[in-house]
């Protein structure tokens, strides 16, 4: 009698089953996404280094041409005997009764290789009137005032940028300015000062006019302090993208493709300092009105913002391939995921390199198209079908367009990003509902 031994089915290796499971694929793709953050960080460091080089070029051009322009004047300076300090000489400073300023800044971009820096030449005209200084509020007796040794000062933070000689016409007489010694260590300015003259004779007509013209080579910003009892300022320039700052905003501004015009009208009641000072002048830099002449678009800042969304782009792209793999039962090797991830990283190196020779928009379009075409063609060989690669190309196009819109939006970036991510989550939930997660 023949005894048959039942055939035993080969036992399946649980480790092998696990490696081919959906859970294992999710883990591997997740780990790969985190690993790709390393080269993405290198890209961010590259963008930072190039932006630092841009700042270095701006500083070099600024130092050579002339730095930020900060100016105020004219200031009437009169010495007196300070009885509180045993008769030592002190100084009283008086600001104009009326001050009209007309500034015209002709700007341009200086290039150093592929980098640019904004510079300008500003012609500033000061016009106004002075009245006889009043010492009565300070309790200084007339005999202690040295009226014959009065001077006029012009305060500036940029001596290097001044072009040519500077002189003031005060009541019909011309007085030249020369650099003066720094009187107040807390003051951020350097003073130009005239030779001493008799202020009583100069103000013999009561309210007297003055005119002062100064020309500057400067860069980045032009700041003026409104020291008149009433200060009216008009500034014009051919710079198309000014940014107004400082302590006062212009009353009127007109910006066009040919430049801008801005007007300020500031009373002494609008500022927290008086018309006269005894002993020393305070630092008035915080009370200026400014115009910034900056390069309109910081390309490196936009590159940096784009790179911050790199993790989102990599994660969503891998998610698209993972969903296609789950729905179509097509096996995608981890090496193929690596190739796709590296292609996504290359987008950012292309973006920054093309941006340095063109605009950010053009660079974004070229880099985006290059990566989308590369991944789409690679997907045809992976997925063995043209339907899924077309879907991948459309999805990547929508994703890069979404990222570009977020980068351009500043005030509404969070709102647009939140709505977009919500829609993406809804799409993922919809397409993943048919996947059998138990396999």
Protein backbone atom coordinates (compact mmCIF):
# COMPACT_ATOMS: atom_id res chain seq x y z
CA UNK A 1 0.00 0.00 0.00
CA UNK A 2 1.53 3.29 -1.13
CA UNK A 3 1.55 6.05 1.42
CA UNK A 4 1.40 9.52 -0.01
CA UNK A 5 2.94 12.38 1.89
CA UNK A 6 0.99 15.56 1.38
CA UNK A 7 2.94 18.30 -0.37
CA UNK A 8 3.93 21.19 1.85
CA UNK A 9 3.53 24.68 0.50
CA UNK A 10 6.70 26.74 0.79
CA UNK A 11 6.48 29.19 3.64
CA UNK A 12 6.49 32.81 2.59
CA UNK A 13 9.24 34.99 4.00
CA UNK A 14 7.51 37.61 6.17
CA UNK A 15 10.41 40.04 5.69
CA UNK A 16 10.07 39.74 1.91
CA UNK A 17 6.33 40.37 2.12
CA UNK A 18 6.90 43.40 4.31
CA UNK A 19 9.46 44.93 1.93
CA UNK A 20 6.89 44.76 -0.87
CA UNK A 21 4.07 46.12 1.27
CA UNK A 22 2.53 49.57 0.99
CA UNK A 23 3.77 50.43 4.49
CA UNK A 24 7.39 49.70 3.55
CA UNK A 25 7.09 51.84 0.43
CA UNK A 26 5.70 54.73 2.46
CA UNK A 27 8.58 54.45 4.92
CA UNK A 28 11.23 54.34 2.17
CA UNK A 29 9.75 57.29 0.28
CA UNK A 30 9.46 59.26 3.53
CA UNK A 31 13.09 58.54 4.47
CA UNK A 32 14.22 59.50 0.96
CA UNK A 33 12.32 62.78 1.21
CA UNK A 34 14.16 63.60 4.43
CA UNK A 35 17.53 62.60 2.92
CA UNK A 36 16.95 64.96 -0.02
CA UNK A 37 16.72 67.84 2.46
CA UNK A 38 20.54 67.61 2.72
CA UNK A 39 21.27 68.71 -0.90
CA UNK A 40 18.36 71.17 -0.62
CA UNK A 41 20.14 72.76 2.35
CA UNK A 42 23.31 73.05 0.25
CA UNK A 43 21.26 74.92 -2.35
CA UNK A 44 19.99 77.31 0.34
CA UNK A 45 23.58 77.92 1.47
CA UNK A 46 24.55 78.65 -2.14
CA UNK A 47 21.77 81.23 -2.42
CA UNK A 48 22.92 82.83 0.84
CA UNK A 49 26.54 83.01 -0.35
CA UNK A 50 25.54 84.65 -3.64
CA UNK A 51 23.33 87.16 -1.82
CA UNK A 52 26.24 88.01 0.51
CA UNK A 53 28.40 88.61 -2.55
CA UNK A 54 25.71 90.97 -3.90
CA UNK A 55 25.74 92.89 -0.59
CA UNK A 56 29.54 93.04 -0.72
CA UNK A 57 29.39 94.55 -4.23
CA UNK A 58 26.78 97.09 -3.06
CA UNK A 59 28.99 98.07 -0.11
CA UNK A 60 32.08 98.37 -2.32
CA UNK A 61 30.28 100.59 -4.85
CA UNK A 62 28.77 102.61 -2.00
CA UNK A 63 32.17 103.18 -0.39
CA UNK A 64 33.70 104.26 -3.70
CA UNK A 65 30.87 106.43 -4.97
CA UNK A 66 29.44 107.77 -1.71
CA UNK A 67 27.31 106.23 1.03
CA UNK A 68 23.92 107.11 2.44
CA UNK A 69 23.26 110.85 2.39
CA UNK A 70 22.04 112.36 5.67
CA UNK A 71 21.95 116.15 5.99
CA UNK A 72 20.37 119.06 7.82
CA UNK A 73 21.04 122.78 8.04
CA UNK A 74 21.79 125.58 8.11
CA UNK A 75 22.25 125.92 11.89
CA UNK A 76 23.21 129.25 13.49
CA UNK A 77 25.83 128.78 16.23
CA UNK A 78 26.54 131.56 18.75
CA UNK A 79 29.07 131.32 21.66
CA UNK A 80 28.26 132.61 25.16
CA UNK A 81 29.75 132.57 28.65
CA UNK A 82 28.21 129.82 30.74
CA UNK A 83 28.13 131.14 34.31
CA UNK A 84 27.02 127.74 35.58
CA UNK A 85 30.41 126.41 34.47
CA UNK A 86 32.57 129.25 35.83
CA UNK A 87 32.32 131.36 32.69
CA UNK A 88 33.42 128.64 30.29
CA UNK A 89 32.43 129.13 26.66
CA UNK A 90 29.31 127.27 25.58
CA UNK A 91 27.31 127.44 22.37
CA UNK A 92 23.70 128.10 21.47
CA UNK A 93 22.22 126.63 18.28
CA UNK A 94 19.27 128.15 16.42
CA UNK A 95 17.25 126.70 13.55
CA UNK A 96 15.70 128.68 10.66
CA UNK A 97 12.32 130.38 10.91
CA UNK A 98 11.38 129.22 7.42
CA UNK A 99 13.06 126.46 5.42
CA UNK A 100 12.35 125.46 1.82
CA UNK A 101 14.26 122.49 0.38
CA UNK A 102 14.36 121.44 -3.25
CA UNK A 103 16.20 118.20 -3.97
CA UNK A 104 16.76 116.58 -7.36
CA UNK A 105 18.34 113.12 -7.34
CA UNK A 106 19.57 111.68 -10.65
CA UNK A 107 19.98 107.94 -10.07
CA UNK A 108 21.48 105.03 -11.97
CA UNK A 109 22.61 101.43 -11.48
CA UNK A 110 26.33 100.71 -11.30
CA UNK A 111 27.31 97.22 -12.43
CA UNK A 112 30.18 95.10 -11.13
CA UNK A 113 30.15 91.97 -13.25
CA UNK A 114 26.68 90.47 -12.88
CA UNK A 115 25.84 92.46 -9.75
CA UNK A 116 24.22 95.91 -9.50
CA UNK A 117 24.13 98.74 -6.98
CA UNK A 118 21.94 101.85 -6.99
CA UNK A 119 23.74 105.24 -6.83
CA UNK A 120 22.61 108.82 -7.34
CA UNK A 121 23.77 112.41 -7.62
CA UNK A 122 21.60 114.77 -5.58
CA UNK A 123 21.52 118.52 -5.90
CA UNK A 124 19.95 120.00 -2.75
CA UNK A 125 18.92 123.66 -2.48
CA UNK A 126 18.16 125.17 0.94
CA UNK A 127 16.23 128.44 1.00
CA UNK A 128 14.72 130.23 3.98
CA UNK A 129 14.87 133.02 6.53
CA UNK A 130 16.40 133.70 9.95
CA UNK A 131 15.31 136.13 12.66
CA UNK A 132 17.36 137.55 15.54
CA UNK A 133 18.08 134.74 18.06
CA UNK A 134 16.18 134.96 21.35
CA UNK A 135 18.24 134.19 24.48
CA UNK A 136 15.61 135.42 26.93
CA UNK A 137 14.17 131.96 27.68
CA UNK A 138 17.59 130.63 28.66
CA UNK A 139 18.30 133.38 31.19
CA UNK A 140 21.58 134.34 29.50
CA UNK A 141 22.42 138.03 29.91
CA UNK A 142 23.16 139.99 26.68
CA UNK A 143 26.64 140.95 27.90
CA UNK A 144 27.59 137.25 28.09
CA UNK A 145 26.78 136.61 24.44
CA UNK A 146 29.62 136.79 21.92
CA UNK A 147 27.61 138.14 18.97
CA UNK A 148 30.73 138.85 16.91
CA UNK A 149 31.88 135.21 16.71
CA UNK A 150 28.74 133.55 15.34
CA UNK A 151 29.06 130.83 12.71
CA UNK A 152 26.74 128.79 10.49
CA UNK A 153 26.89 125.00 10.34
CA UNK A 154 25.75 122.35 7.89
CA UNK A 155 25.51 118.85 9.40
CA UNK A 156 25.97 115.76 7.26
CA UNK A 157 26.75 112.09 7.61
CA UNK A 158 28.57 111.87 4.30
CA UNK A 159 31.51 114.23 3.78
CA UNK A 160 33.06 111.99 1.14
CA UNK A 161 30.05 112.33 -1.16
CA UNK A 162 30.05 116.15 -1.30
CA UNK A 163 30.97 117.47 -4.75
CA UNK A 164 32.71 120.82 -5.07
CA UNK A 165 32.77 123.74 -2.67
CA UNK A 166 29.88 124.58 -0.35
CA UNK A 167 28.92 128.14 0.59
CA UNK A 168 25.94 129.98 2.02
CA UNK A 169 24.60 133.34 0.94
CA UNK A 170 23.41 134.97 4.18
CA UNK A 171 21.74 138.36 3.83
CA UNK A 172 23.66 139.07 0.64
CA UNK A 173 27.07 137.95 1.90
CA UNK A 174 28.82 134.74 0.95
CA UNK A 175 30.38 132.50 3.60
CA UNK A 176 32.34 129.35 2.68
CA UNK A 177 32.13 126.15 4.72
CA UNK A 178 35.06 124.17 6.06
CA UNK A 179 35.11 120.91 8.09
CA UNK A 180 34.75 121.53 11.83
CA UNK A 181 35.78 119.54 14.88
CA UNK A 182 33.21 117.12 16.28
CA UNK A 183 31.54 118.71 19.32
CA UNK A 184 29.13 116.00 20.46
CA UNK A 185 30.25 112.37 20.50
CA UNK A 186 26.61 111.26 20.50
CA UNK A 187 25.88 113.09 17.25
CA UNK A 188 26.09 110.87 14.17
CA UNK A 189 26.96 113.80 11.87
CA UNK A 190 30.02 115.80 10.93
CA UNK A 191 29.67 119.58 10.74
CA UNK A 192 30.80 121.98 8.03
CA UNK A 193 31.22 125.48 9.50
CA UNK A 194 31.78 129.03 8.24
CA UNK A 195 34.29 131.50 9.59
CA UNK A 196 33.07 133.67 12.52
CA UNK A 197 31.10 136.82 11.71
CA UNK A 198 29.06 139.49 13.51
CA UNK A 199 25.50 138.18 13.64
CA UNK A 200 24.06 141.51 14.87
CA UNK A 201 25.21 143.23 11.68
CA UNK A 202 24.05 140.32 9.53
CA UNK A 203 20.55 140.42 11.06
CA UNK A 204 20.27 144.20 11.11
CA UNK A 205 17.37 144.03 8.65
CA UNK A 206 15.24 141.86 10.94
CA UNK A 207 14.20 138.74 9.03
CA UNK A 208 16.93 137.96 6.53
CA UNK A 209 17.05 135.40 3.72
CA UNK A 210 19.68 132.74 3.07
CA UNK A 211 20.44 130.31 0.25
CA UNK A 212 22.65 127.24 0.38
CA UNK A 213 23.35 124.72 -2.41
CA UNK A 214 25.12 121.39 -1.96
CA UNK A 215 25.68 118.49 -4.37
CA UNK A 216 26.14 114.89 -3.24
CA UNK A 217 27.23 111.58 -4.68
CA UNK A 218 25.31 109.00 -2.68
CA UNK A 219 23.80 105.55 -2.68
CA UNK A 220 20.86 103.69 -1.21
CA UNK A 221 19.14 106.54 0.66
CA UNK A 222 18.73 110.31 1.03
CA UNK A 223 17.61 111.56 4.47
CA UNK A 224 16.87 115.18 5.51
CA UNK A 225 15.90 116.53 8.94
CA UNK A 226 13.16 119.24 8.90
CA UNK A 227 14.73 121.79 11.25
CA UNK A 228 12.77 124.85 10.08
CA UNK A 229 9.89 126.21 12.12
CA UNK A 230 8.05 125.42 8.92
CA UNK A 231 9.85 123.09 6.50
CA UNK A 232 8.55 122.55 2.97
CA UNK A 233 10.41 120.06 0.80
CA UNK A 234 10.06 118.95 -2.80
CA UNK A 235 12.08 116.01 -4.06
CA UNK A 236 12.25 114.78 -7.64
CA UNK A 237 14.13 111.88 -9.21
CA UNK A 238 14.24 109.61 -12.23
CA UNK A 239 14.19 106.55 -9.94
CA UNK A 240 11.05 104.53 -10.69
CA UNK A 241 10.71 102.50 -7.49
CA UNK A 242 11.38 104.70 -4.43
CA UNK A 243 10.56 103.63 -0.91
CA UNK A 244 9.65 106.41 1.49
CA UNK A 245 10.67 105.99 5.11
CA UNK A 246 11.88 107.86 8.15
CA UNK A 247 9.76 109.73 10.67
CA UNK A 248 7.54 111.56 8.14
CA UNK A 249 5.62 110.39 5.09
CA UNK A 250 5.21 112.72 2.09
CA UNK A 251 1.97 114.69 1.87
CA UNK A 252 1.93 114.16 -1.88
CA UNK A 253 3.73 111.64 -4.05
CA UNK A 254 3.58 110.85 -7.72
CA UNK A 255 5.40 107.77 -9.02
CA UNK A 256 5.56 106.95 -12.73
CA UNK A 257 7.80 105.21 -15.25
CA UNK A 258 9.80 108.43 -15.62
CA UNK A 259 10.53 108.79 -11.88
CA UNK A 260 8.85 110.29 -8.83
CA UNK A 261 7.95 113.59 -7.18
CA UNK A 262 7.29 113.88 -3.44
CA UNK A 263 6.35 116.81 -1.19
CA UNK A 264 6.64 117.24 2.58
CA UNK A 265 5.27 120.05 4.75
CA UNK A 266 6.36 119.76 8.39
CA UNK A 267 5.80 122.20 11.26
CA UNK A 268 7.94 122.44 14.39
CA UNK A 269 4.83 121.23 16.25
CA UNK A 270 5.12 117.90 14.42
CA UNK A 271 8.55 117.02 15.83
CA UNK A 272 9.85 116.40 19.37
CA UNK A 273 12.76 118.90 19.36
CA UNK A 274 12.89 122.66 19.85
CA UNK A 275 14.06 125.48 17.58
CA UNK A 276 16.99 126.33 19.83
CA UNK A 277 19.47 124.24 21.85
CA UNK A 278 21.99 125.31 24.46
CA UNK A 279 25.22 123.46 25.21
CA UNK A 280 25.08 120.89 22.37
CA UNK A 281 22.94 119.61 19.55
CA UNK A 282 21.06 116.33 20.01
CA UNK A 283 21.30 113.51 17.51
CA UNK A 284 18.40 114.24 15.14
CA UNK A 285 18.77 111.24 12.85
CA UNK A 286 15.61 109.59 14.16
CA UNK A 287 13.51 112.57 13.02
CA UNK A 288 14.44 112.65 9.34
CA UNK A 289 12.34 111.83 6.31
CA UNK A 290 14.01 109.39 3.94
CA UNK A 291 13.86 108.16 0.36
CA UNK A 292 15.47 104.79 -0.38
CA UNK A 293 16.98 104.14 -3.81
CA UNK A 294 17.16 100.36 -3.78
CA UNK A 295 17.22 97.80 -6.56
CA UNK A 296 13.48 97.21 -7.10
CA UNK A 297 13.47 93.41 -6.91
CA UNK A 298 15.79 91.42 -4.70
CA UNK A 299 16.29 88.35 -6.88
CA UNK A 300 18.15 86.45 -4.16
CA UNK A 301 15.34 87.01 -1.70
CA UNK A 302 12.90 85.46 -4.18
CA UNK A 303 15.27 82.53 -4.75
CA UNK A 304 15.49 82.04 -1.00
CA UNK A 305 11.70 82.04 -0.68
CA UNK A 306 11.42 79.53 -3.53
CA UNK A 307 13.93 77.20 -1.84
CA UNK A 308 11.92 77.28 1.38
CA UNK A 309 9.14 75.48 -0.48
CA UNK A 310 11.54 72.80 -1.69
CA UNK A 311 10.39 70.26 0.90
CA UNK A 312 6.78 70.82 -0.16
CA UNK A 313 7.61 70.33 -3.86
CA UNK A 314 9.59 67.14 -3.24
CA UNK A 315 6.98 65.70 -0.89
CA UNK A 316 4.02 66.41 -3.17
CA UNK A 317 5.83 65.10 -6.26
CA UNK A 318 6.71 61.86 -4.49
CA UNK A 319 3.10 61.64 -3.30
CA UNK A 320 1.86 61.91 -6.91
CA UNK A 321 4.11 59.05 -7.99
CA UNK A 322 3.15 57.00 -4.95
CA UNK A 323 -0.56 57.40 -5.67
CA UNK A 324 -0.04 56.43 -9.31
CA UNK A 325 1.92 53.42 -8.13
CA UNK A 326 -0.87 52.41 -5.77
CA UNK A 327 -3.67 52.91 -8.29
CA UNK A 328 -1.98 51.35 -11.31
CA UNK A 329 -0.09 48.52 -9.52
CA UNK A 330 3.07 49.64 -11.36
CA UNK A 331 6.23 49.09 -9.36
CA UNK A 332 8.51 52.12 -9.02
CA UNK A 333 12.01 51.36 -7.70
CA UNK A 334 13.52 53.48 -4.94
CA UNK A 335 16.39 54.39 -7.31
CA UNK A 336 13.86 55.94 -9.66
CA UNK A 337 12.49 58.01 -6.80
CA UNK A 338 16.07 59.20 -6.15
CA UNK A 339 16.46 60.31 -9.78
CA UNK A 340 13.17 62.23 -9.62
CA UNK A 341 14.22 63.88 -6.33
CA UNK A 342 17.58 64.99 -7.74
CA UNK A 343 15.82 66.47 -10.76
CA UNK A 344 13.64 68.50 -8.38
CA UNK A 345 16.78 69.74 -6.57
CA UNK A 346 18.32 70.77 -9.89
CA UNK A 347 15.41 73.18 -10.36
CA UNK A 348 16.84 75.47 -7.67
CA UNK A 349 20.41 75.46 -8.98
CA UNK A 350 19.08 76.29 -12.45
CA UNK A 351 16.87 79.00 -10.96
CA UNK A 352 19.64 80.88 -9.15
CA UNK A 353 22.19 80.55 -11.97
CA UNK A 354 19.78 81.83 -14.64
CA UNK A 355 18.46 84.58 -12.35
CA UNK A 356 21.94 86.08 -12.04
CA UNK A 357 21.95 86.72 -15.78
CA UNK A 358 18.27 87.47 -16.30
CA UNK A 359 15.06 88.18 -14.37
CA UNK A 360 13.60 85.90 -11.70
CA UNK A 361 10.42 85.36 -13.73
CA UNK A 362 12.31 84.23 -16.85
CA UNK A 363 14.59 81.99 -14.78
CA UNK A 364 11.63 80.42 -12.98
CA UNK A 365 9.86 79.63 -16.26
CA UNK A 366 12.98 78.13 -17.88
CA UNK A 367 13.99 76.08 -14.82
CA UNK A 368 10.43 74.91 -14.25
CA UNK A 369 9.90 73.81 -17.86
CA UNK A 370 13.26 72.02 -17.91
CA UNK A 371 12.47 70.00 -14.79
CA UNK A 372 8.88 69.24 -15.82
CA UNK A 373 9.98 67.99 -19.27
CA UNK A 374 12.78 65.88 -17.76
CA UNK A 375 10.55 64.22 -15.15
CA UNK A 376 7.71 63.71 -17.65
CA UNK A 377 9.99 61.98 -20.19
CA UNK A 378 11.52 59.86 -17.42
CA UNK A 379 8.01 58.89 -16.25
CA UNK A 380 7.16 57.47 -19.68
CA UNK A 381 9.90 54.85 -19.30
CA UNK A 382 8.88 54.14 -15.70
CA UNK A 383 5.11 53.94 -16.08
CA UNK A 384 5.03 52.44 -19.61
CA UNK A 385 2.12 54.68 -20.49
CA UNK A 386 1.53 58.22 -21.74
CA UNK A 387 -1.60 58.90 -19.73
CA UNK A 388 0.12 59.06 -16.33
CA UNK A 389 3.14 61.15 -17.52
CA UNK A 390 0.71 63.71 -18.96
CA UNK A 391 -1.04 63.86 -15.60
CA UNK A 392 2.33 64.26 -13.85
CA UNK A 393 3.32 67.11 -16.20
CA UNK A 394 0.03 68.89 -15.54
CA UNK A 395 0.34 68.37 -11.78
CA UNK A 396 3.93 69.68 -11.68
CA UNK A 397 2.96 72.68 -13.80
CA UNK A 398 0.14 73.50 -11.40
CA UNK A 399 2.45 73.01 -8.40
CA UNK A 400 5.22 75.30 -9.69
CA UNK A 401 2.63 77.89 -10.72
CA UNK A 402 1.14 77.74 -7.21
CA UNK A 403 4.58 78.23 -5.63
CA UNK A 404 5.35 81.18 -7.93
CA UNK A 405 2.07 82.90 -7.00
CA UNK A 406 2.84 82.48 -3.29
CA UNK A 407 6.33 83.96 -3.79
CA UNK A 408 4.93 87.03 -5.54
CA UNK A 409 2.23 87.61 -2.96
CA UNK A 410 3.42 89.21 0.27
CA UNK A 411 0.34 90.35 2.16
CA UNK A 412 -1.78 87.39 1.01
CA UNK A 413 0.89 84.66 0.86
CA UNK A 414 -0.37 82.87 3.98
CA UNK A 415 -3.99 82.98 2.82
CA UNK A 416 -3.19 81.73 -0.70
CA UNK A 417 -0.87 79.04 0.66
CA UNK A 418 -3.45 77.77 3.17
CA UNK A 419 -6.21 77.58 0.57
CA UNK A 420 -3.90 75.85 -1.93
CA UNK A 421 -2.72 73.24 0.58
CA UNK A 422 -6.32 72.59 1.62
CA UNK A 423 -7.27 71.90 -2.01
CA UNK A 424 -4.22 69.67 -2.47
CA UNK A 425 -5.16 67.67 0.64
CA UNK A 426 -8.69 67.25 -0.71
CA UNK A 427 -7.35 65.98 -4.04
CA UNK A 428 -5.05 63.49 -2.30
CA UNK A 429 -7.91 62.20 -0.17
CA UNK A 430 -10.07 61.78 -3.28
CA UNK A 431 -7.53 59.87 -5.39
CA UNK A 432 -6.26 57.71 -2.51
CA UNK A 433 -9.69 56.40 -1.48
CA UNK A 434 -9.42 53.35 -3.78
CA UNK A 435 -5.97 52.21 -2.62
CA UNK A 436 -5.92 48.99 -0.59
CA UNK A 437 -3.65 49.94 2.30
CA UNK A 438 -3.69 46.40 3.76
CA UNK A 439 -1.42 44.96 1.04
